[in-house]
Amino acid sequence: MDTDNPDPDMAIYRLKKIADSEEFGASLQENGLPSCEQLIVYIEARICERNGDYSSARKKYVQIPSVLDALDRQIALIPMLYDQACNLLDHKKYEEAAEIFKELSKEGWKDSEEKYQQAFKKEAHVWKEADCTHPKTCTIHGETVGKPLGHDWVAATFTKPKTCARCGKTEGKPVVKIGTVIQFGYYEQDNKPGNGPEPIEWIVLDYKESEKKILLLSRYCLDSKQYNDNGKSEKVTWEECSLRAWLNGEFLDAGFSEEEKAAILTTRVDNSSLQAYKAYCQDGGKNTQDRIFLLSFTEANKYLQVDYGGQKKSTRAGATAFAVSQGAKVSKDYKTKDGKAAAWWWLRSPGINLASASVVNRSGSLNSNNITFRGGGVRPAFWLNLKKTDF
């Protein structure tokens, strides 16, 4: 048999026929010759070698190291396999290259282990999941799958710009919308103390961007108090009235946590004649330092368009059930923008004299009531420090 130029099909066929003869197989073993099965493996290995399939050829030679020159051929194939694997690596056939280098690394051949790691990393993807701006990407060689997720934008708030909920990217600036209703603090409102106090709703009246603060006015009358109930019924200014003391004491403590109170700014409250209605008393008393206050006529006119003789739904205010239980007078003949019966509510500016204070009556018009009158609603106001809150 010419082992250098075998007719593989015929050679293997004949050997298999011979192998079927038990007597001949026993004779080969007795004479120390290879078995027919071993010769078949050898021929198959030579065929693989001739066809350039060095990896398969070497694996077959490993099975029959004592047959003919199988051991020598097995060793001789190592540099040929190495060159073949390097060629595969150069042509980015990483999986095939990795398999060969892995086998050669067991033999300690040259830098096979290093090249195996190189080929393996190229073949085995390490994926980084898609994010807002990048598709799913292999961190080893940059292959991508699919598309970027895109930004999941959350609208700008008072304290934060437009922000992506996924990656945190921001655009623009915080946005404060005048007229927005927010919740801050808690106060009894539904007149059901058993279920606890309810969140207070506030209307944003003004925003000072440079100081990062907003002016808030309660959406509804939260309680009902006299402007002054300390026994004085004449010549009482905002500085001296019991309502101011109540707002900055009992109400402040009842309505807000310590953390919330820390965000309520102390305001220099202007009580000059500039804050009073021109046809009423101009003596508003001394300016005060307050955390909670009532709007003056000028402020109510500026922010709500309150004026004498005006009857607007936008200037009317409803009262909570609790405020009504405390005496707030409401009228179903006058409805607010949201359909509630309107109450009359106090301003801090003087009325026609110092025994009276300005009010917004149930029709929405400016008026003047005696400071001891009962039935007036209380709409607290204050400046909120946005740097200490998160809306």
Protein backbone atom coordinates (compact mmCIF):
# COMPACT_ATOMS: atom_id res chain seq x y z
CA MET A 1 0.00 0.00 0.00
CA ASP A 2 1.42 3.38 -1.05
CA THR A 3 0.83 5.48 2.09
CA ASP A 4 1.99 8.64 0.38
CA ASN A 5 -0.68 8.43 -2.31
CA PRO A 6 -3.46 6.28 -0.97
CA ASP A 7 -6.73 5.64 -2.68
CA PRO A 8 -8.59 6.34 0.55
CA ASP A 9 -11.90 4.79 -0.24
CA MET A 10 -10.38 1.55 -1.55
CA ALA A 11 -7.73 1.31 1.17
CA ILE A 12 -10.22 1.82 3.97
CA TYR A 13 -12.70 -0.58 2.34
CA ARG A 14 -10.05 -3.33 2.12
CA LEU A 15 -8.84 -2.80 5.63
CA LYS A 16 -12.35 -3.01 6.99
CA LYS A 17 -12.90 -6.27 5.14
CA ILE A 18 -9.65 -7.61 6.56
CA ALA A 19 -10.60 -6.41 10.04
CA ASP A 20 -13.70 -8.58 9.81
CA SER A 21 -11.40 -11.62 9.81
CA GLU A 22 -10.74 -12.49 13.45
CA GLU A 23 -7.98 -14.87 12.45
CA PHE A 24 -6.04 -12.17 10.53
CA GLY A 25 -6.49 -9.62 13.30
CA ALA A 26 -5.08 -12.05 15.85
CA SER A 27 -2.12 -12.73 13.53
CA LEU A 28 -1.29 -8.97 13.36
CA GLN A 29 -1.29 -8.68 17.14
CA GLU A 30 0.93 -11.76 17.54
CA ASN A 31 3.49 -10.22 15.20
CA GLY A 32 3.38 -6.76 16.88
CA LEU A 33 1.84 -5.08 13.85
CA PRO A 34 -0.80 -2.35 13.87
CA SER A 35 -4.39 -3.49 13.83
CA CYS A 36 -6.61 -2.78 10.85
CA GLU A 37 -8.55 -0.27 12.96
CA GLN A 38 -5.34 1.63 13.75
CA LEU A 39 -4.34 1.62 10.09
CA ILE A 40 -7.74 3.03 9.15
CA VAL A 41 -7.22 5.91 11.62
CA TYR A 42 -3.72 6.46 10.22
CA ILE A 43 -4.99 6.64 6.64
CA GLU A 44 -7.78 9.01 7.67
CA ALA A 45 -5.19 11.21 9.40
CA ARG A 46 -3.02 11.30 6.27
CA ILE A 47 -6.05 12.25 4.18
CA CYS A 48 -6.88 15.13 6.58
CA GLU A 49 -3.25 16.25 6.47
CA ARG A 50 -3.19 16.21 2.68
CA ASN A 51 -6.43 18.26 2.60
CA GLY A 52 -5.00 20.89 4.95
CA ASP A 53 -7.14 19.88 7.90
CA TYR A 54 -4.16 19.77 10.23
CA SER A 55 -6.20 19.94 13.41
CA SER A 56 -8.24 16.84 12.60
CA ALA A 57 -5.11 15.03 11.34
CA ARG A 58 -3.25 15.76 14.56
CA LYS A 59 -6.15 14.56 16.72
CA LYS A 60 -6.14 11.25 14.82
CA TYR A 61 -2.34 10.82 15.12
CA VAL A 62 -2.68 11.36 18.87
CA GLN A 63 -4.93 8.26 18.99
CA ILE A 64 -2.25 6.03 17.38
CA PRO A 65 1.17 7.33 18.50
CA SER A 66 2.87 3.94 17.95
CA VAL A 67 1.57 3.34 14.43
CA LEU A 68 4.17 3.90 11.73
CA ASP A 69 5.34 7.57 11.83
CA ALA A 70 2.19 8.90 13.55
CA LEU A 71 4.13 10.42 16.46
CA ASP A 72 6.57 12.25 14.20
CA ARG A 73 3.76 13.53 12.03
CA GLN A 74 1.85 14.66 15.10
CA ILE A 75 4.83 16.79 16.19
CA ALA A 76 5.53 18.01 12.67
CA LEU A 77 2.00 19.35 12.37
CA ILE A 78 2.38 21.76 15.33
CA PRO A 79 4.11 24.62 13.43
CA MET A 80 1.78 24.07 10.48
CA LEU A 81 -1.23 24.33 12.83
CA TYR A 82 0.23 27.47 14.42
CA ASP A 83 0.62 29.16 11.03
CA GLN A 84 -2.90 28.11 10.07
CA ALA A 85 -4.35 29.51 13.30
CA CYS A 86 -2.48 32.81 12.82
CA ASN A 87 -3.95 33.04 9.32
CA LEU A 88 -7.44 32.44 10.71
CA LEU A 89 -6.89 35.12 13.35
CA ASP A 90 -5.77 37.60 10.69
CA HIS A 91 -8.95 36.88 8.74
CA LYS A 92 -11.11 37.41 11.87
CA LYS A 93 -12.17 33.77 12.06
CA TYR A 94 -11.83 33.98 15.79
CA GLU A 95 -13.72 30.89 16.86
CA GLU A 96 -11.70 28.54 14.62
CA ALA A 97 -8.43 30.22 15.58
CA ALA A 98 -9.25 30.02 19.29
CA GLU A 99 -9.90 26.28 19.06
CA ILE A 100 -6.48 25.60 17.48
CA PHE A 101 -4.53 27.94 19.76
CA LYS A 102 -6.19 26.31 22.77
CA GLU A 103 -4.81 22.90 21.72
CA LEU A 104 -1.37 24.31 20.94
CA SER A 105 -1.23 26.11 24.28
CA LYS A 106 -1.32 22.67 25.96
CA GLU A 107 1.93 21.90 24.13
CA GLY A 108 3.42 25.24 25.24
CA TRP A 109 4.05 26.19 21.62
CA LYS A 110 5.40 29.71 21.24
CA ASP A 111 2.75 32.33 22.22
CA SER A 112 -0.25 30.06 21.62
CA GLU A 113 -1.75 30.83 25.03
CA GLU A 114 -1.57 34.58 24.43
CA LYS A 115 -3.05 34.23 20.97
CA TYR A 116 -5.76 31.94 22.31
CA GLN A 117 -6.80 34.66 24.76
CA GLN A 118 -6.75 37.21 21.95
CA ALA A 119 -8.89 35.05 19.67
CA PHE A 120 -11.25 34.06 22.49
CA LYS A 121 -11.90 37.68 23.44
CA LYS A 122 -12.61 38.50 19.82
CA GLU A 123 -14.94 35.55 19.48
CA ALA A 124 -16.72 35.86 22.86
CA HIS A 125 -18.76 39.07 23.10
CA VAL A 126 -18.90 41.10 26.29
CA TRP A 127 -22.07 43.12 25.88
CA LYS A 128 -22.85 46.50 27.33
CA GLU A 129 -26.59 47.05 27.34
CA ALA A 130 -28.12 49.77 25.21
CA ASP A 131 -28.53 53.20 26.78
CA CYS A 132 -30.14 56.44 25.71
CA THR A 133 -27.59 57.27 23.02
CA HIS A 134 -25.87 53.95 22.23
CA PRO A 135 -27.17 50.57 21.00
CA LYS A 136 -26.22 47.33 22.73
CA THR A 137 -22.45 47.17 22.12
CA CYS A 138 -19.68 44.58 22.48
CA THR A 139 -17.00 46.21 24.60
CA ILE A 140 -14.30 43.99 23.06
CA HIS A 141 -14.61 44.71 19.36
CA GLY A 142 -17.43 47.22 19.03
CA GLU A 143 -20.13 45.12 17.35
CA THR A 144 -23.62 46.59 17.92
CA VAL A 145 -27.13 45.18 18.09
CA GLY A 146 -30.39 47.12 17.84
CA LYS A 147 -30.84 50.83 18.43
CA PRO A 148 -30.29 53.33 21.27
CA LEU A 149 -33.17 53.49 23.77
CA GLY A 150 -33.61 57.25 23.50
CA HIS A 151 -34.13 59.64 26.41
CA ASP A 152 -37.00 59.20 28.86
CA TRP A 153 -37.64 62.85 29.62
CA VAL A 154 -39.26 64.07 32.83
CA ALA A 155 -40.60 67.61 32.55
CA ALA A 156 -38.77 70.42 34.29
CA THR A 157 -39.89 71.31 37.81
CA PHE A 158 -39.36 74.33 40.06
CA THR A 159 -36.00 73.00 41.22
CA LYS A 160 -34.85 70.72 38.40
CA PRO A 161 -34.45 71.18 34.64
CA LYS A 162 -35.89 68.76 32.10
CA THR A 163 -34.19 65.49 33.08
CA CYS A 164 -33.84 62.02 31.55
CA ALA A 165 -35.06 59.46 34.06
CA ARG A 166 -32.77 56.86 32.48
CA CYS A 167 -29.37 58.55 32.23
CA GLY A 168 -29.76 61.80 34.16
CA LYS A 169 -29.00 64.10 31.22
CA THR A 170 -30.56 67.53 31.64
CA GLU A 171 -31.72 70.19 29.24
CA GLY A 172 -32.64 73.80 29.84
CA LYS A 173 -33.43 75.28 33.25
CA PRO A 174 -35.93 74.65 36.04
CA VAL A 175 -39.34 76.01 35.10
CA VAL A 176 -41.67 77.80 37.48
CA LYS A 177 -45.16 78.37 36.11
CA ILE A 178 -47.12 81.12 37.80
CA GLY A 179 -50.53 79.82 38.79
CA THR A 180 -49.33 76.26 39.35
CA VAL A 181 -50.90 74.55 42.36
CA ILE A 182 -48.50 72.61 44.60
CA GLN A 183 -48.79 70.77 47.91
CA PHE A 184 -46.73 71.71 50.92
CA GLY A 185 -47.46 71.04 54.59
CA TYR A 186 -50.56 69.52 56.20
CA TYR A 187 -53.57 71.07 57.93
CA GLU A 188 -57.00 69.81 58.95
CA GLN A 189 -59.39 70.52 56.06
CA ASP A 190 -62.12 67.89 55.67
CA ASN A 191 -63.24 68.42 59.29
CA LYS A 192 -62.65 64.76 60.03
CA PRO A 193 -59.81 64.83 62.56
CA GLY A 194 -59.85 61.06 62.82
CA ASN A 195 -58.24 60.64 59.40
CA GLY A 196 -55.49 63.16 60.07
CA PRO A 197 -54.67 66.48 58.40
CA GLU A 198 -54.72 66.87 54.62
CA PRO A 199 -52.00 68.24 52.28
CA ILE A 200 -52.26 72.01 51.86
CA GLU A 201 -52.63 73.29 48.31
CA TRP A 202 -50.85 76.51 47.37
CA ILE A 203 -50.99 78.74 44.31
CA VAL A 204 -47.65 80.00 42.96
CA LEU A 205 -47.99 83.78 42.69
CA ASP A 206 -44.42 84.88 41.98
CA TYR A 207 -40.91 83.56 41.35
CA LYS A 208 -37.59 85.23 42.05
CA GLU A 209 -35.09 83.29 39.95
CA SER A 210 -32.00 85.03 41.33
CA GLU A 211 -33.03 84.15 44.88
CA LYS A 212 -34.59 80.79 44.00
CA LYS A 213 -37.79 81.47 45.91
CA ILE A 214 -41.51 81.40 45.16
CA LEU A 215 -44.43 83.27 46.70
CA LEU A 216 -47.29 80.97 47.72
CA LEU A 217 -50.91 81.71 48.66
CA SER A 218 -53.24 79.04 50.02
CA ARG A 219 -55.73 77.92 47.40
CA TYR A 220 -58.58 77.91 49.92
CA CYS A 221 -59.37 79.65 53.17
CA LEU A 222 -57.82 77.23 55.66
CA ASP A 223 -59.34 78.60 58.85
CA SER A 224 -61.54 81.40 60.16
CA LYS A 225 -60.20 84.00 62.57
CA GLN A 226 -60.86 87.57 63.63
CA TYR A 227 -58.24 90.03 62.42
CA ASN A 228 -57.80 90.98 66.04
CA ASP A 229 -59.24 89.25 69.10
CA ASN A 230 -56.93 90.52 71.87
CA GLY A 231 -59.40 93.07 73.22
CA LYS A 232 -58.33 96.02 71.12
CA SER A 233 -60.98 97.14 68.66
CA GLU A 234 -59.44 100.42 67.55
CA LYS A 235 -56.20 101.43 65.84
CA VAL A 236 -54.71 98.00 65.38
CA THR A 237 -52.08 97.55 62.66
CA TRP A 238 -50.80 94.34 61.10
CA GLU A 239 -47.82 94.42 63.47
CA GLU A 240 -50.13 94.35 66.51
CA CYS A 241 -53.00 92.10 65.41
CA SER A 242 -53.69 88.67 66.86
CA LEU A 243 -54.02 87.11 63.39
CA ARG A 244 -50.35 87.79 62.65
CA ALA A 245 -49.35 86.18 65.95
CA TRP A 246 -51.52 83.13 65.24
CA LEU A 247 -50.14 82.66 61.72
CA ASN A 248 -46.51 82.77 62.87
CA GLY A 249 -47.13 80.65 65.93
CA GLU A 250 -49.95 78.11 66.15
CA PHE A 251 -50.58 77.80 62.40
CA LEU A 252 -46.88 77.54 61.50
CA ASP A 253 -46.34 74.78 64.05
CA ALA A 254 -49.51 72.90 63.13
CA GLY A 255 -49.10 73.06 59.37
CA PHE A 256 -45.44 72.25 58.76
CA SER A 257 -42.73 69.84 59.83
CA GLU A 258 -39.39 71.12 61.08
CA GLU A 259 -37.86 70.40 57.67
CA GLU A 260 -40.67 72.30 55.93
CA LYS A 261 -40.41 75.23 58.32
CA ALA A 262 -36.71 75.47 57.51
CA ALA A 263 -37.68 76.18 53.88
CA ILE A 264 -40.10 78.99 54.79
CA LEU A 265 -38.25 82.25 54.53
CA THR A 266 -38.52 85.14 56.95
CA THR A 267 -39.81 88.05 54.87
CA ARG A 268 -39.55 91.78 55.39
CA VAL A 269 -43.23 92.63 55.07
CA ASP A 270 -43.94 96.07 53.66
CA ASN A 271 -46.76 97.83 55.50
CA SER A 272 -46.21 101.26 54.03
CA SER A 273 -48.91 103.37 52.39
CA LEU A 274 -47.83 101.88 49.04
CA GLN A 275 -49.53 98.64 50.08
CA ALA A 276 -52.93 100.17 50.92
CA TYR A 277 -55.93 100.98 48.76
CA LYS A 278 -55.75 104.74 47.95
CA ALA A 279 -59.25 105.50 49.29
CA TYR A 280 -58.66 103.63 52.57
CA CYS A 281 -56.49 104.39 55.57
CA GLN A 282 -52.82 104.66 54.57
CA ASP A 283 -51.29 103.98 57.99
CA GLY A 284 -50.31 100.32 57.85
CA GLY A 285 -47.96 100.59 60.80
CA LYS A 286 -44.37 99.44 61.00
CA ASN A 287 -42.83 96.95 58.60
CA THR A 288 -42.56 93.47 60.08
CA GLN A 289 -40.42 90.35 59.81
CA ASP A 290 -42.78 87.45 59.19
CA ARG A 291 -42.55 83.89 57.96
CA ILE A 292 -46.31 83.69 57.32
CA PHE A 293 -48.35 86.75 56.38
CA LEU A 294 -51.48 87.89 54.55
CA LEU A 295 -51.40 89.63 51.19
CA SER A 296 -51.69 93.39 51.16
CA PHE A 297 -54.18 95.13 48.88
CA THR A 298 -51.39 96.03 46.44
CA GLU A 299 -50.17 92.43 46.32
CA ALA A 300 -53.71 91.07 45.88
CA ASN A 301 -54.23 93.56 43.07
CA LYS A 302 -50.92 92.66 41.44
CA TYR A 303 -51.25 88.89 41.59
CA LEU A 304 -55.03 88.34 41.58
CA GLN A 305 -56.40 91.61 40.11
CA VAL A 306 -58.42 92.32 43.26
CA ASP A 307 -59.94 95.83 43.09
CA TYR A 308 -62.75 97.84 44.52
CA GLY A 309 -66.02 97.09 42.75
CA GLY A 310 -64.60 94.19 40.78
CA GLN A 311 -66.53 90.94 40.77
CA LYS A 312 -64.35 88.19 39.35
CA LYS A 313 -64.39 84.49 39.93
CA SER A 314 -60.59 84.54 39.76
CA THR A 315 -60.42 86.66 42.92
CA ARG A 316 -62.85 84.56 44.94
CA ALA A 317 -61.82 81.78 47.26
CA GLY A 318 -63.61 78.77 48.66
CA ALA A 319 -63.24 77.59 52.23
CA THR A 320 -62.38 74.13 53.53
CA ALA A 321 -64.95 72.19 55.53
CA PHE A 322 -62.84 72.79 58.60
CA ALA A 323 -62.71 76.57 57.99
CA VAL A 324 -66.51 76.61 57.65
CA SER A 325 -66.79 74.70 60.94
CA GLN A 326 -64.67 77.43 62.53
CA GLY A 327 -67.06 80.12 61.29
CA ALA A 328 -65.99 81.02 57.75
CA LYS A 329 -68.98 82.54 55.96
CA VAL A 330 -69.58 81.28 52.43
CA SER A 331 -72.26 82.12 49.88
CA LYS A 332 -73.64 79.82 47.23
CA ASP A 333 -74.66 82.94 45.30
CA TYR A 334 -71.01 83.50 44.49
CA LYS A 335 -69.00 80.62 43.06
CA THR A 336 -65.28 80.28 42.57
CA LYS A 337 -63.66 79.14 39.33
CA ASP A 338 -63.82 75.55 40.54
CA GLY A 339 -67.49 75.83 41.53
CA LYS A 340 -67.13 76.20 45.29
CA ALA A 341 -69.20 78.59 47.40
CA ALA A 342 -67.07 81.69 47.95
CA ALA A 343 -65.93 82.97 51.34
CA TRP A 344 -64.70 86.45 52.26
CA TRP A 345 -61.07 86.62 53.34
CA TRP A 346 -58.71 89.01 55.13
CA LEU A 347 -55.91 91.15 53.69
CA ARG A 348 -53.30 92.68 56.02
CA SER A 349 -53.76 96.28 54.80
CA PRO A 350 -55.95 98.67 56.81
CA GLY A 351 -59.55 99.27 55.77
CA ILE A 352 -61.32 102.59 55.88
CA ASN A 353 -59.68 103.24 59.27
CA LEU A 354 -57.40 101.47 61.77
CA ALA A 355 -60.40 99.80 63.39
CA SER A 356 -60.93 97.92 60.14
CA ALA A 357 -58.91 95.85 57.69
CA SER A 358 -59.18 95.31 53.96
CA VAL A 359 -60.90 92.14 52.80
CA VAL A 360 -61.88 90.42 49.57
CA ASN A 361 -65.60 89.84 49.84
CA ARG A 362 -67.55 86.89 48.47
CA SER A 363 -68.16 88.61 45.14
CA GLY A 364 -64.40 89.00 44.68
CA SER A 365 -64.35 92.76 45.28
CA LEU A 366 -62.22 94.74 47.72
CA ASN A 367 -64.04 95.78 50.89
CA SER A 368 -63.41 96.84 54.48
CA ASN A 369 -64.54 95.02 57.64
CA ASN A 370 -64.15 95.74 61.34
CA ILE A 371 -61.10 93.96 62.78
CA THR A 372 -63.27 92.12 65.31
CA PHE A 373 -65.69 90.70 62.74
CA ARG A 374 -66.12 86.95 62.76
CA GLY A 375 -66.60 84.83 59.67
CA GLY A 376 -63.50 85.94 57.73
CA GLY A 377 -61.43 83.30 55.98
CA VAL A 378 -57.65 83.09 56.34
CA ARG A 379 -55.44 82.57 53.27
CA PRO A 380 -51.84 82.38 54.50
CA ALA A 381 -48.97 83.42 52.22
CA PHE A 382 -45.20 83.02 52.40
CA TRP A 383 -41.99 82.90 50.39
CA LEU A 384 -40.60 79.38 49.96
CA ASN A 385 -36.87 78.74 49.57
CA LEU A 386 -36.53 76.37 46.58
CA LYS A 387 -32.95 75.57 47.55
CA LYS A 388 -34.30 73.71 50.56
CA THR A 389 -37.15 71.88 48.86
CA ASP A 390 -37.63 69.46 46.00
CA PHE A 391 -40.60 70.07 43.70
